[in-house]
Amino acid sequence: MANIKLLEQLCALHGVSGDEEAVRDFILAQITPYTESAVVDAMGNIIAEKKGAQPAKTKLMLNAHMDEVGLIVTHIDSDGYLKFAPVGGIDKRVLCGRSVVIGGGVPGVIGAKPVHLMGADERGKAVPVGELYLDIGASSRQEAEKAVRLGDTVCFAAPFDTQNGMIRGRALDDRAGCAILIDMIQSDLPYDMTFVFCVQEEVGTRGSRTAAYQVRPQAAIVVETTTAADIAGVPEEKQVCRLGGGAVLSFMDKGTIYDRAYYDLALDTAREAQLPCQIKQAVAGGNDAGAIHASRDGVRTIAVSLACRYLHSAVGQIAQEDFRSTRQLIMKLAARIAGSAQV
């Protein structure tokens, strides 16, 4: 069973793109006793080899990314307020008024001009990022510089809860995928497999590009989260995927046309195992598959995702049952791919 407590621990860690050290150290501690090797490459990716009951007939790489969207400090003004830039495709509409954690643990809040001082043309609009600032309670640049520095990354401060069969928390994209891969590594596997925990997915799939080049897999399963829009006011044909509908399979996104045979195999595997499964009803977004499938002489690639509401915001939401059943599907699909010779 997928481990919700493990996911909670992962979501509590600060890991904005380019600053994934805390997440990496935690994952290494979780997987090292269960792997033949677990190395960190020059980019900061973890590449782990896990022995199974038999050698694999197809070299399979399972991939999830460690990083999350966030902010980075770019300036400290004379009054001690911090200016920032987004890191990754963050939803800028949700920034104003959010509690954040800066660098090694400095609390702050994203501030803006009070609404009662705004003109009529400003109200009801998202505040531009350039007009926002971070307030850590400092009264001067000198005081602020004792706590933070330029280049510090900033993540949201958000609770983790599991009420009503859901999981709500920060950085579910893609700590949920990381939790599933850790759980697999800690289990007995039927075939040898390679597990990669990548950095910098949110800023251009950079870690996966170098990791795939080094691993040189024949096949890859990318374990991700994807946008669910099953919310009020969204027409059914634009809801993309739904919480509670099981694992999400994509046939195409903005970075990848997925291997058709693996897409069919994933659907067949879900049906035979009587696991819920749904198809992403949009050609949108992208993930590490975009870099992996075009690595070297090509890698046959499939993405298996969790439906997640409010992606790239302060708090995401997935269904507990999806978390469990997606892990089961990935385990079965991985066994079928690794255990079959390439044609």
C-alpha atoms as a PDB file:
ATOM      1  CA  MET A   1       0.000   0.000   0.000  1.00  0.00           C
ATOM      2  CA  ALA A   2       1.203   3.481  -0.792  1.00  0.00           C
ATOM      3  CA  ASN A   3       2.449   5.172   2.357  1.00  0.00           C
ATOM      4  CA  ILE A   4       0.598   8.390   3.247  1.00  0.00           C
ATOM      5  CA  LYS A   5       2.856   9.074   6.238  1.00  0.00           C
ATOM      6  CA  LEU A   6       5.859   8.929   3.919  1.00  0.00           C
ATOM      7  CA  LEU A   7       4.148  11.407   1.605  1.00  0.00           C
ATOM      8  CA  GLU A   8       3.481  13.764   4.507  1.00  0.00           C
ATOM      9  CA  GLN A   9       7.182  13.717   5.405  1.00  0.00           C
ATOM     10  CA  LEU A  10       8.156  14.449   1.807  1.00  0.00           C
ATOM     11  CA  CYS A  11       5.691  17.337   1.474  1.00  0.00           C
ATOM     12  CA  ALA A  12       7.118  18.984   4.600  1.00  0.00           C
ATOM     13  CA  LEU A  13      10.544  19.342   2.984  1.00  0.00           C
ATOM     14  CA  HIS A  14      11.778  22.515   1.268  1.00  0.00           C
ATOM     15  CA  GLY A  15      12.700  21.635  -2.323  1.00  0.00           C
ATOM     16  CA  VAL A  16      12.214  24.455  -4.817  1.00  0.00           C
ATOM     17  CA  SER A  17      13.928  23.791  -8.156  1.00  0.00           C
ATOM     18  CA  GLY A  18      17.686  24.026  -7.803  1.00  0.00           C
ATOM     19  CA  ASP A  19      17.480  23.678  -4.013  1.00  0.00           C
ATOM     20  CA  GLU A  20      16.420  20.040  -3.591  1.00  0.00           C
ATOM     21  CA  GLU A  21      19.065  19.008  -1.034  1.00  0.00           C
ATOM     22  CA  ALA A  22      16.684  18.343   1.882  1.00  0.00           C
ATOM     23  CA  VAL A  23      14.438  16.189  -0.288  1.00  0.00           C
ATOM     24  CA  ARG A  24      17.415  14.351  -1.755  1.00  0.00           C
ATOM     25  CA  ASP A  25      18.932  13.588   1.658  1.00  0.00           C
ATOM     26  CA  PHE A  26      15.605  12.269   2.934  1.00  0.00           C
ATOM     27  CA  ILE A  27      15.077  10.020  -0.089  1.00  0.00           C
ATOM     28  CA  LEU A  28      18.617   8.654   0.112  1.00  0.00           C
ATOM     29  CA  ALA A  29      18.060   7.714   3.754  1.00  0.00           C
ATOM     30  CA  GLN A  30      14.855   5.913   2.782  1.00  0.00           C
ATOM     31  CA  ILE A  31      16.191   3.929  -0.173  1.00  0.00           C
ATOM     32  CA  THR A  32      19.884   3.228   0.419  1.00  0.00           C
ATOM     33  CA  PRO A  33      19.334   0.075   2.550  1.00  0.00           C
ATOM     34  CA  TYR A  34      17.191  -1.407  -0.243  1.00  0.00           C
ATOM     35  CA  THR A  35      19.334  -0.683  -3.311  1.00  0.00           C
ATOM     36  CA  GLU A  36      22.455  -2.089  -4.921  1.00  0.00           C
ATOM     37  CA  SER A  37      23.613   1.477  -5.503  1.00  0.00           C
ATOM     38  CA  ALA A  38      22.248   4.978  -5.048  1.00  0.00           C
ATOM     39  CA  VAL A  39      24.406   7.749  -6.471  1.00  0.00           C
ATOM     40  CA  VAL A  40      23.979  11.494  -6.877  1.00  0.00           C
ATOM     41  CA  ASP A  41      25.098  12.880 -10.230  1.00  0.00           C
ATOM     42  CA  ALA A  42      26.526  16.313 -11.002  1.00  0.00           C
ATOM     43  CA  MET A  43      23.056  17.817 -11.493  1.00  0.00           C
ATOM     44  CA  GLY A  44      21.831  16.472  -8.132  1.00  0.00           C
ATOM     45  CA  ASN A  45      19.651  13.635  -9.444  1.00  0.00           C
ATOM     46  CA  ILE A  46      19.484  10.373  -7.501  1.00  0.00           C
ATOM     47  CA  ILE A  47      20.080   7.305  -9.684  1.00  0.00           C
ATOM     48  CA  ALA A  48      19.343   4.081  -7.801  1.00  0.00           C
ATOM     49  CA  GLU A  49      19.657   0.464  -8.936  1.00  0.00           C
ATOM     50  CA  LYS A  50      17.279  -2.024  -7.324  1.00  0.00           C
ATOM     51  CA  LYS A  51      17.762  -5.776  -7.742  1.00  0.00           C
ATOM     52  CA  GLY A  52      14.711  -7.856  -8.451  1.00  0.00           C
ATOM     53  CA  ALA A  53      14.094 -11.586  -8.417  1.00  0.00           C
ATOM     54  CA  GLN A  54      15.301 -11.803 -12.022  1.00  0.00           C
ATOM     55  CA  PRO A  55      17.388  -9.745 -14.448  1.00  0.00           C
ATOM     56  CA  ALA A  56      15.252  -7.449 -16.584  1.00  0.00           C
ATOM     57  CA  LYS A  57      14.706  -8.270 -20.250  1.00  0.00           C
ATOM     58  CA  THR A  58      14.137  -4.568 -20.941  1.00  0.00           C
ATOM     59  CA  LYS A  59      16.139  -1.950 -19.061  1.00  0.00           C
ATOM     60  CA  LEU A  60      13.445   0.109 -17.344  1.00  0.00           C
ATOM     61  CA  MET A  61      13.846   3.505 -15.688  1.00  0.00           C
ATOM     62  CA  LEU A  62      11.155   4.813 -13.330  1.00  0.00           C
ATOM     63  CA  ASN A  63      11.277   8.573 -12.861  1.00  0.00           C
ATOM     64  CA  ALA A  64       9.798  11.153 -10.469  1.00  0.00           C
ATOM     65  CA  HIS A  65      10.974  14.697  -9.769  1.00  0.00           C
ATOM     66  CA  MET A  66      11.973  16.050  -6.376  1.00  0.00           C
ATOM     67  CA  ASP A  67      11.539  19.768  -7.008  1.00  0.00           C
ATOM     68  CA  GLU A  68       8.540  22.018  -6.515  1.00  0.00           C
ATOM     69  CA  VAL A  69       7.534  25.418  -7.863  1.00  0.00           C
ATOM     70  CA  GLY A  70       8.317  28.381  -5.630  1.00  0.00           C
ATOM     71  CA  LEU A  71      10.062  31.748  -5.517  1.00  0.00           C
ATOM     72  CA  ILE A  72      13.608  33.109  -5.271  1.00  0.00           C
ATOM     73  CA  VAL A  73      14.806  36.265  -3.495  1.00  0.00           C
ATOM     74  CA  THR A  74      16.178  38.862  -5.918  1.00  0.00           C
ATOM     75  CA  HIS A  75      16.449  42.097  -3.903  1.00  0.00           C
ATOM     76  CA  ILE A  76      16.317  43.447  -0.345  1.00  0.00           C
ATOM     77  CA  ASP A  77      15.179  47.062  -0.054  1.00  0.00           C
ATOM     78  CA  SER A  78      16.172  49.638   2.530  1.00  0.00           C
ATOM     79  CA  ASP A  79      13.091  48.890   4.659  1.00  0.00           C
ATOM     80  CA  GLY A  80      13.849  45.158   4.831  1.00  0.00           C
ATOM     81  CA  TYR A  81      11.264  43.970   2.308  1.00  0.00           C
ATOM     82  CA  LEU A  82      12.288  41.286  -0.169  1.00  0.00           C
ATOM     83  CA  LYS A  83      11.548  41.246  -3.890  1.00  0.00           C
ATOM     84  CA  PHE A  84      11.345  37.915  -5.661  1.00  0.00           C
ATOM     85  CA  ALA A  85      10.920  36.082  -8.950  1.00  0.00           C
ATOM     86  CA  PRO A  86       8.885  32.908  -9.617  1.00  0.00           C
ATOM     87  CA  VAL A  87      10.685  29.574  -9.996  1.00  0.00           C
ATOM     88  CA  GLY A  88       8.710  27.347 -12.353  1.00  0.00           C
ATOM     89  CA  GLY A  89       5.177  27.782 -13.619  1.00  0.00           C
ATOM     90  CA  ILE A  90       3.647  28.971 -10.378  1.00  0.00           C
ATOM     91  CA  ASP A  91       0.026  30.169 -10.357  1.00  0.00           C
ATOM     92  CA  LYS A  92       0.606  33.866  -9.719  1.00  0.00           C
ATOM     93  CA  ARG A  93      -3.049  34.453  -8.828  1.00  0.00           C
ATOM     94  CA  VAL A  94      -2.603  32.688  -5.473  1.00  0.00           C
ATOM     95  CA  LEU A  95       0.478  34.523  -4.211  1.00  0.00           C
ATOM     96  CA  CYS A  96      -0.861  37.564  -2.357  1.00  0.00           C
ATOM     97  CA  GLY A  97      -1.239  37.025   1.395  1.00  0.00           C
ATOM     98  CA  ARG A  98       0.332  33.568   1.470  1.00  0.00           C
ATOM     99  CA  SER A  99       2.544  32.397   4.324  1.00  0.00           C
ATOM    100  CA  VAL A 100       5.948  31.256   3.115  1.00  0.00           C
ATOM    101  CA  VAL A 101       9.226  29.844   4.358  1.00  0.00           C
ATOM    102  CA  ILE A 102      12.433  31.412   3.075  1.00  0.00           C
ATOM    103  CA  GLY A 103      15.826  29.708   2.849  1.00  0.00           C
ATOM    104  CA  GLY A 104      16.681  27.655   5.879  1.00  0.00           C
ATOM    105  CA  GLY A 105      13.410  28.301   7.719  1.00  0.00           C
ATOM    106  CA  VAL A 106      12.672  32.027   7.931  1.00  0.00           C
ATOM    107  CA  PRO A 107       8.893  32.628   8.050  1.00  0.00           C
ATOM    108  CA  GLY A 108       7.312  35.381   6.031  1.00  0.00           C
ATOM    109  CA  VAL A 109       4.216  36.527   4.188  1.00  0.00           C
ATOM    110  CA  ILE A 110       3.707  37.717   0.612  1.00  0.00           C
ATOM    111  CA  GLY A 111       2.464  41.290   0.876  1.00  0.00           C
ATOM    112  CA  ALA A 112       0.905  43.874  -1.419  1.00  0.00           C
ATOM    113  CA  LYS A 113      -0.875  47.208  -1.301  1.00  0.00           C
ATOM    114  CA  PRO A 114      -3.985  46.847   0.934  1.00  0.00           C
ATOM    115  CA  VAL A 115      -7.184  46.328  -1.038  1.00  0.00           C
ATOM    116  CA  HIS A 116      -8.838  49.411   0.486  1.00  0.00           C
ATOM    117  CA  LEU A 117      -6.073  51.574  -0.965  1.00  0.00           C
ATOM    118  CA  MET A 118      -6.494  50.196  -4.492  1.00  0.00           C
ATOM    119  CA  GLY A 119      -8.176  52.051  -7.264  1.00  0.00           C
ATOM    120  CA  ALA A 120     -11.351  50.696  -8.839  1.00  0.00           C
ATOM    121  CA  ASP A 121      -9.392  49.454 -11.868  1.00  0.00           C
ATOM    122  CA  GLU A 122      -7.038  47.402  -9.642  1.00  0.00           C
ATOM    123  CA  ARG A 123      -9.612  45.545  -7.570  1.00  0.00           C
ATOM    124  CA  GLY A 124     -10.606  42.106  -8.711  1.00  0.00           C
ATOM    125  CA  LYS A 125      -7.346  41.586 -10.621  1.00  0.00           C
ATOM    126  CA  ALA A 126      -4.344  39.457  -9.668  1.00  0.00           C
ATOM    127  CA  VAL A 127      -1.599  41.687  -8.290  1.00  0.00           C
ATOM    128  CA  PRO A 128       1.397  41.679 -10.678  1.00  0.00           C
ATOM    129  CA  VAL A 129       4.433  39.871  -9.263  1.00  0.00           C
ATOM    130  CA  GLY A 130       6.490  43.035  -9.561  1.00  0.00           C
ATOM    131  CA  GLU A 131       4.187  44.751  -7.044  1.00  0.00           C
ATOM    132  CA  LEU A 132       4.414  41.981  -4.449  1.00  0.00           C
ATOM    133  CA  TYR A 133       7.075  41.614  -1.764  1.00  0.00           C
ATOM    134  CA  LEU A 134       8.089  39.283   1.061  1.00  0.00           C
ATOM    135  CA  ASP A 135       7.676  40.599   4.593  1.00  0.00           C
ATOM    136  CA  ILE A 136       9.790  38.830   7.236  1.00  0.00           C
ATOM    137  CA  GLY A 137       9.254  41.501   9.878  1.00  0.00           C
ATOM    138  CA  ALA A 138      12.628  43.170   9.352  1.00  0.00           C
ATOM    139  CA  SER A 139      12.835  46.957   9.722  1.00  0.00           C
ATOM    140  CA  SER A 140      15.917  47.517   7.553  1.00  0.00           C
ATOM    141  CA  ARG A 141      18.091  45.934   4.888  1.00  0.00           C
ATOM    142  CA  GLN A 142      20.759  45.208   7.486  1.00  0.00           C
ATOM    143  CA  GLU A 143      18.312  43.372   9.727  1.00  0.00           C
ATOM    144  CA  ALA A 144      16.903  41.358   6.817  1.00  0.00           C
ATOM    145  CA  GLU A 145      20.385  40.397   5.628  1.00  0.00           C
ATOM    146  CA  LYS A 146      21.044  38.718   8.975  1.00  0.00           C
ATOM    147  CA  ALA A 147      18.241  36.234   8.186  1.00  0.00           C
ATOM    148  CA  VAL A 148      18.152  35.856   4.394  1.00  0.00           C
ATOM    149  CA  ARG A 149      20.303  36.451   1.350  1.00  0.00           C
ATOM    150  CA  LEU A 150      19.856  36.956  -2.361  1.00  0.00           C
ATOM    151  CA  GLY A 151      19.254  33.639  -4.098  1.00  0.00           C
ATOM    152  CA  ASP A 152      17.412  32.055  -1.182  1.00  0.00           C
ATOM    153  CA  THR A 153      14.477  29.988  -2.401  1.00  0.00           C
ATOM    154  CA  VAL A 154      10.979  30.383  -1.003  1.00  0.00           C
ATOM    155  CA  CYS A 155       8.284  27.746  -0.603  1.00  0.00           C
ATOM    156  CA  PHE A 156       4.711  27.953   0.625  1.00  0.00           C
ATOM    157  CA  ALA A 157       3.907  27.180   4.253  1.00  0.00           C
ATOM    158  CA  ALA A 158       0.919  24.862   4.000  1.00  0.00           C
ATOM    159  CA  PRO A 159      -0.719  22.193   6.184  1.00  0.00           C
ATOM    160  CA  PHE A 160      -1.030  18.515   5.286  1.00  0.00           C
ATOM    161  CA  ASP A 161      -4.339  16.819   5.967  1.00  0.00           C
ATOM    162  CA  THR A 162      -6.189  13.660   4.992  1.00  0.00           C
ATOM    163  CA  GLN A 163      -9.834  14.392   5.740  1.00  0.00           C
ATOM    164  CA  ASN A 164     -12.719  13.033   3.667  1.00  0.00           C
ATOM    165  CA  GLY A 165     -10.610  10.536   1.754  1.00  0.00           C
ATOM    166  CA  MET A 166      -8.396  13.224   0.263  1.00  0.00           C
ATOM    167  CA  ILE A 167      -4.775  14.296   0.665  1.00  0.00           C
ATOM    168  CA  ARG A 168      -4.106  18.031   0.741  1.00  0.00           C
ATOM    169  CA  GLY A 169      -0.639  19.496   0.963  1.00  0.00           C
ATOM    170  CA  ARG A 170       2.176  21.464  -0.582  1.00  0.00           C
ATOM    171  CA  ALA A 171       4.383  19.973  -3.307  1.00  0.00           C
ATOM    172  CA  LEU A 172       2.218  16.957  -4.105  1.00  0.00           C
ATOM    173  CA  ASP A 173       3.664  17.668  -7.560  1.00  0.00           C
ATOM    174  CA  ASP A 174       5.734  15.537  -7.484  1.00  0.00           C
ATOM    175  CA  ARG A 175       6.396  14.282  -3.958  1.00  0.00           C
ATOM    176  CA  ALA A 176       3.466  11.908  -4.544  1.00  0.00           C
ATOM    177  CA  GLY A 177       5.464  10.344  -7.374  1.00  0.00           C
ATOM    178  CA  CYS A 178       8.573  10.215  -5.184  1.00  0.00           C
ATOM    179  CA  ALA A 179       6.604   8.450  -2.428  1.00  0.00           C
ATOM    180  CA  ILE A 180       5.370   5.808  -4.878  1.00  0.00           C
ATOM    181  CA  LEU A 181       8.906   5.106  -6.130  1.00  0.00           C
ATOM    182  CA  ILE A 182      10.330   4.936  -2.591  1.00  0.00           C
ATOM    183  CA  ASP A 183       7.574   2.486  -1.677  1.00  0.00           C
ATOM    184  CA  MET A 184       8.452   0.330  -4.700  1.00  0.00           C
ATOM    185  CA  ILE A 185      12.152   0.348  -3.823  1.00  0.00           C
ATOM    186  CA  GLN A 186      11.315  -0.807  -0.309  1.00  0.00           C
ATOM    187  CA  SER A 187       9.298  -3.710  -1.767  1.00  0.00           C
ATOM    188  CA  ASP A 188      10.333  -6.953  -3.434  1.00  0.00           C
ATOM    189  CA  LEU A 189      10.467  -6.525  -7.206  1.00  0.00           C
ATOM    190  CA  PRO A 190      10.171  -9.247  -9.856  1.00  0.00           C
ATOM    191  CA  TYR A 191      12.874  -7.682 -12.082  1.00  0.00           C
ATOM    192  CA  ASP A 192      15.872  -5.384 -11.806  1.00  0.00           C
ATOM    193  CA  MET A 193      14.870  -1.733 -12.247  1.00  0.00           C
ATOM    194  CA  THR A 194      16.495   1.690 -12.202  1.00  0.00           C
ATOM    195  CA  PHE A 195      14.869   4.484 -10.186  1.00  0.00           C
ATOM    196  CA  VAL A 196      15.618   8.149 -10.827  1.00  0.00           C
ATOM    197  CA  PHE A 197      14.604  11.057  -8.607  1.00  0.00           C
ATOM    198  CA  CYS A 198      15.198  14.158 -10.728  1.00  0.00           C
ATOM    199  CA  VAL A 199      15.919  17.794 -10.019  1.00  0.00           C
ATOM    200  CA  GLN A 200      14.701  20.897 -11.866  1.00  0.00           C
ATOM    201  CA  GLU A 201      11.702  19.440 -13.692  1.00  0.00           C
ATOM    202  CA  GLU A 202       9.698  22.579 -13.025  1.00  0.00           C
ATOM    203  CA  VAL A 203      12.176  24.817 -14.861  1.00  0.00           C
ATOM    204  CA  GLY A 204      12.588  22.751 -18.024  1.00  0.00           C
ATOM    205  CA  THR A 205      13.061  19.011 -17.295  1.00  0.00           C
ATOM    206  CA  ARG A 206      16.781  19.587 -16.877  1.00  0.00           C
ATOM    207  CA  GLY A 207      17.614  16.811 -14.420  1.00  0.00           C
ATOM    208  CA  SER A 208      15.819  14.100 -16.350  1.00  0.00           C
ATOM    209  CA  ARG A 209      17.692  15.023 -19.535  1.00  0.00           C
ATOM    210  CA  THR A 210      21.084  14.307 -17.990  1.00  0.00           C
ATOM    211  CA  ALA A 211      19.854  11.309 -15.974  1.00  0.00           C
ATOM    212  CA  ALA A 212      18.358   9.574 -19.005  1.00  0.00           C
ATOM    213  CA  TYR A 213      21.579  10.163 -20.939  1.00  0.00           C
ATOM    214  CA  GLN A 214      23.561   8.499 -18.144  1.00  0.00           C
ATOM    215  CA  VAL A 215      21.175   5.599 -17.428  1.00  0.00           C
ATOM    216  CA  ARG A 216      20.506   4.866 -21.108  1.00  0.00           C
ATOM    217  CA  PRO A 217      17.257   2.984 -20.508  1.00  0.00           C
ATOM    218  CA  GLN A 218      15.282   1.137 -23.166  1.00  0.00           C
ATOM    219  CA  ALA A 219      11.974   2.084 -21.542  1.00  0.00           C
ATOM    220  CA  ALA A 220      10.755   4.615 -18.982  1.00  0.00           C
ATOM    221  CA  ILE A 221       7.741   5.164 -16.749  1.00  0.00           C
ATOM    222  CA  VAL A 222       7.335   8.773 -15.605  1.00  0.00           C
ATOM    223  CA  VAL A 223       5.347   8.986 -12.361  1.00  0.00           C
ATOM    224  CA  GLU A 224       3.741  12.406 -12.050  1.00  0.00           C
ATOM    225  CA  THR A 225       0.753  14.472 -11.012  1.00  0.00           C
ATOM    226  CA  THR A 226      -1.429  16.167 -13.592  1.00  0.00           C
ATOM    227  CA  THR A 227      -4.061  18.874 -13.653  1.00  0.00           C
ATOM    228  CA  ALA A 228      -7.555  17.878 -12.530  1.00  0.00           C
ATOM    229  CA  ALA A 229     -10.263  20.434 -13.253  1.00  0.00           C
ATOM    230  CA  ASP A 230     -13.292  18.578 -11.890  1.00  0.00           C
ATOM    231  CA  ILE A 231     -14.443  21.647 -10.030  1.00  0.00           C
ATOM    232  CA  ALA A 232     -17.435  23.958 -10.024  1.00  0.00           C
ATOM    233  CA  GLY A 233     -18.007  25.919 -13.188  1.00  0.00           C
ATOM    234  CA  VAL A 234     -15.810  23.850 -15.508  1.00  0.00           C
ATOM    235  CA  PRO A 235     -17.644  22.073 -18.358  1.00  0.00           C
ATOM    236  CA  GLU A 236     -17.257  18.287 -18.372  1.00  0.00           C
ATOM    237  CA  GLU A 237     -15.229  18.220 -21.593  1.00  0.00           C
ATOM    238  CA  LYS A 238     -12.658  20.598 -20.056  1.00  0.00           C
ATOM    239  CA  GLN A 239     -12.225  18.836 -16.708  1.00  0.00           C
ATOM    240  CA  VAL A 240      -9.189  16.906 -18.087  1.00  0.00           C
ATOM    241  CA  CYS A 241      -9.305  14.215 -15.369  1.00  0.00           C
ATOM    242  CA  ARG A 242     -11.103  13.619 -12.093  1.00  0.00           C
ATOM    243  CA  LEU A 243     -10.155  12.822  -8.514  1.00  0.00           C
ATOM    244  CA  GLY A 244     -11.274   9.294  -7.654  1.00  0.00           C
ATOM    245  CA  GLY A 245     -11.030   8.108 -11.267  1.00  0.00           C
ATOM    246  CA  GLY A 246      -7.766   6.251 -10.765  1.00  0.00           C
ATOM    247  CA  ALA A 247      -4.405   6.638 -12.472  1.00  0.00           C
ATOM    248  CA  VAL A 248      -4.278   9.080 -15.383  1.00  0.00           C
ATOM    249  CA  LEU A 249      -2.756   8.003 -18.712  1.00  0.00           C
ATOM    250  CA  SER A 250      -1.753  10.500 -21.393  1.00  0.00           C
ATOM    251  CA  PHE A 251      -1.588   9.810 -25.118  1.00  0.00           C
ATOM    252  CA  MET A 252       0.082  13.163 -25.854  1.00  0.00           C
ATOM    253  CA  ASP A 253       1.066  16.420 -24.187  1.00  0.00           C
ATOM    254  CA  LYS A 254       3.024  19.508 -25.213  1.00  0.00           C
ATOM    255  CA  GLY A 255       6.347  17.665 -24.893  1.00  0.00           C
ATOM    256  CA  THR A 256       5.659  14.035 -25.750  1.00  0.00           C
ATOM    257  CA  ILE A 257       3.645  11.735 -27.951  1.00  0.00           C
ATOM    258  CA  TYR A 258       3.642   8.654 -25.745  1.00  0.00           C
ATOM    259  CA  ASP A 259       4.567   5.179 -26.910  1.00  0.00           C
ATOM    260  CA  ARG A 260       1.312   3.794 -28.310  1.00  0.00           C
ATOM    261  CA  ALA A 261       2.040   0.168 -27.414  1.00  0.00           C
ATOM    262  CA  TYR A 262       2.848   1.114 -23.801  1.00  0.00           C
ATOM    263  CA  TYR A 263      -0.253   3.286 -23.623  1.00  0.00           C
ATOM    264  CA  ASP A 264      -2.343   0.290 -24.697  1.00  0.00           C
ATOM    265  CA  LEU A 265      -0.412  -1.989 -22.337  1.00  0.00           C
ATOM    266  CA  ALA A 266      -1.143   0.325 -19.390  1.00  0.00           C
ATOM    267  CA  LEU A 267      -4.860   0.318 -20.212  1.00  0.00           C
ATOM    268  CA  ASP A 268      -4.864  -3.485 -20.542  1.00  0.00           C
ATOM    269  CA  THR A 269      -2.954  -3.879 -17.267  1.00  0.00           C
ATOM    270  CA  ALA A 270      -5.443  -1.691 -15.395  1.00  0.00           C
ATOM    271  CA  ARG A 271      -8.413  -3.552 -16.865  1.00  0.00           C
ATOM    272  CA  GLU A 272      -6.992  -7.011 -16.112  1.00  0.00           C
ATOM    273  CA  ALA A 273      -6.113  -6.022 -12.535  1.00  0.00           C
ATOM    274  CA  GLN A 274      -9.500  -4.318 -12.097  1.00  0.00           C
ATOM    275  CA  LEU A 275      -7.804  -1.060 -11.151  1.00  0.00           C
ATOM    276  CA  PRO A 276      -9.472   2.299 -11.873  1.00  0.00           C
ATOM    277  CA  CYS A 277      -7.840   4.180 -14.712  1.00  0.00           C
ATOM    278  CA  GLN A 278      -8.694   7.263 -16.772  1.00  0.00           C
ATOM    279  CA  ILE A 279      -7.367   9.022 -19.852  1.00  0.00           C
ATOM    280  CA  LYS A 280      -6.234  12.634 -19.742  1.00  0.00           C
ATOM    281  CA  GLN A 281      -8.688  14.486 -21.959  1.00  0.00           C
ATOM    282  CA  ALA A 282      -6.416  17.256 -23.167  1.00  0.00           C
ATOM    283  CA  VAL A 283      -3.168  17.829 -25.007  1.00  0.00           C
ATOM    284  CA  ALA A 284      -1.584  20.177 -22.500  1.00  0.00           C
ATOM    285  CA  GLY A 285       1.347  20.588 -20.155  1.00  0.00           C
ATOM    286  CA  GLY A 286       4.401  18.363 -20.073  1.00  0.00           C
ATOM    287  CA  ASN A 287       6.771  16.535 -17.765  1.00  0.00           C
ATOM    288  CA  ASP A 288      10.105  14.719 -17.647  1.00  0.00           C
ATOM    289  CA  ALA A 289       8.937  12.380 -20.406  1.00  0.00           C
ATOM    290  CA  GLY A 290       9.658  15.157 -22.889  1.00  0.00           C
ATOM    291  CA  ALA A 291      13.379  14.956 -22.131  1.00  0.00           C
ATOM    292  CA  ILE A 292      13.568  11.225 -21.476  1.00  0.00           C
ATOM    293  CA  HIS A 293      11.875   9.896 -24.623  1.00  0.00           C
ATOM    294  CA  ALA A 294      14.213  11.899 -26.885  1.00  0.00           C
ATOM    295  CA  SER A 295      17.414  10.948 -25.054  1.00  0.00           C
ATOM    296  CA  ARG A 296      20.254   9.384 -27.065  1.00  0.00           C
ATOM    297  CA  ASP A 297      18.683   7.074 -29.675  1.00  0.00           C
ATOM    298  CA  GLY A 298      15.210   7.279 -28.097  1.00  0.00           C
ATOM    299  CA  VAL A 299      13.436   5.753 -25.101  1.00  0.00           C
ATOM    300  CA  ARG A 300      10.007   4.133 -25.185  1.00  0.00           C
ATOM    301  CA  THR A 301       8.105   6.163 -22.595  1.00  0.00           C
ATOM    302  CA  ILE A 302       4.767   6.196 -20.781  1.00  0.00           C
ATOM    303  CA  ALA A 303       3.543   8.589 -18.080  1.00  0.00           C
ATOM    304  CA  VAL A 304       1.282   7.420 -15.261  1.00  0.00           C
ATOM    305  CA  SER A 305      -0.056  10.333 -13.225  1.00  0.00           C
ATOM    306  CA  LEU A 306      -2.191  11.220 -10.241  1.00  0.00           C
ATOM    307  CA  ALA A 307      -5.088  13.609 -10.781  1.00  0.00           C
ATOM    308  CA  CYS A 308      -4.368  16.723  -8.675  1.00  0.00           C
ATOM    309  CA  ARG A 309      -6.524  19.790  -8.170  1.00  0.00           C
ATOM    310  CA  TYR A 310      -4.932  23.242  -7.762  1.00  0.00           C
ATOM    311  CA  LEU A 311      -1.594  22.220  -9.316  1.00  0.00           C
ATOM    312  CA  HIS A 312       1.267  24.730  -8.970  1.00  0.00           C
ATOM    313  CA  SER A 313      -0.460  26.613  -6.175  1.00  0.00           C
ATOM    314  CA  ALA A 314       0.027  26.693  -2.409  1.00  0.00           C
ATOM    315  CA  VAL A 315      -1.982  23.512  -1.717  1.00  0.00           C
ATOM    316  CA  GLY A 316      -2.781  20.617  -4.044  1.00  0.00           C
ATOM    317  CA  GLN A 317      -5.362  17.887  -3.529  1.00  0.00           C
ATOM    318  CA  ILE A 318      -5.365  14.232  -4.577  1.00  0.00           C
ATOM    319  CA  ALA A 319      -7.585  11.291  -3.624  1.00  0.00           C
ATOM    320  CA  GLN A 320      -6.227   8.700  -1.213  1.00  0.00           C
ATOM    321  CA  GLU A 321      -7.674   5.866  -3.283  1.00  0.00           C
ATOM    322  CA  ASP A 322      -5.993   7.219  -6.425  1.00  0.00           C
ATOM    323  CA  PHE A 323      -2.687   7.298  -4.549  1.00  0.00           C
ATOM    324  CA  ARG A 324      -3.053   3.630  -3.625  1.00  0.00           C
ATOM    325  CA  SER A 325      -4.368   2.319  -6.944  1.00  0.00           C
ATOM    326  CA  THR A 326      -1.848   4.289  -9.011  1.00  0.00           C
ATOM    327  CA  ARG A 327       0.981   2.678  -7.068  1.00  0.00           C
ATOM    328  CA  GLN A 328      -0.520  -0.754  -7.786  1.00  0.00           C
ATOM    329  CA  LEU A 329      -0.828  -0.038 -11.494  1.00  0.00           C
ATOM    330  CA  ILE A 330       2.734   1.251 -11.762  1.00  0.00           C
ATOM    331  CA  MET A 331       4.071  -1.840 -10.008  1.00  0.00           C
ATOM    332  CA  LYS A 332       2.209  -4.165 -12.385  1.00  0.00           C
ATOM    333  CA  LEU A 333       3.041  -2.149 -15.492  1.00  0.00           C
ATOM    334  CA  ALA A 334       6.719  -1.956 -14.542  1.00  0.00           C
ATOM    335  CA  ALA A 335       6.852  -5.721 -14.133  1.00  0.00           C
ATOM    336  CA  ARG A 336       5.284  -6.276 -17.555  1.00  0.00           C
ATOM    337  CA  ILE A 337       7.654  -3.871 -19.305  1.00  0.00           C
ATOM    338  CA  ALA A 338      10.833  -5.057 -17.538  1.00  0.00           C
ATOM    339  CA  GLY A 339       9.868  -8.694 -18.010  1.00  0.00           C
ATOM    340  CA  SER A 340       9.248  -8.477 -21.765  1.00  0.00           C
ATOM    341  CA  ALA A 341      11.939  -8.240 -24.398  1.00  0.00           C
ATOM    342  CA  GLN A 342      11.785  -5.219 -26.672  1.00  0.00           C
ATOM    343  CA  VAL A 343      10.355  -5.845 -30.135  1.00  0.00           C
END
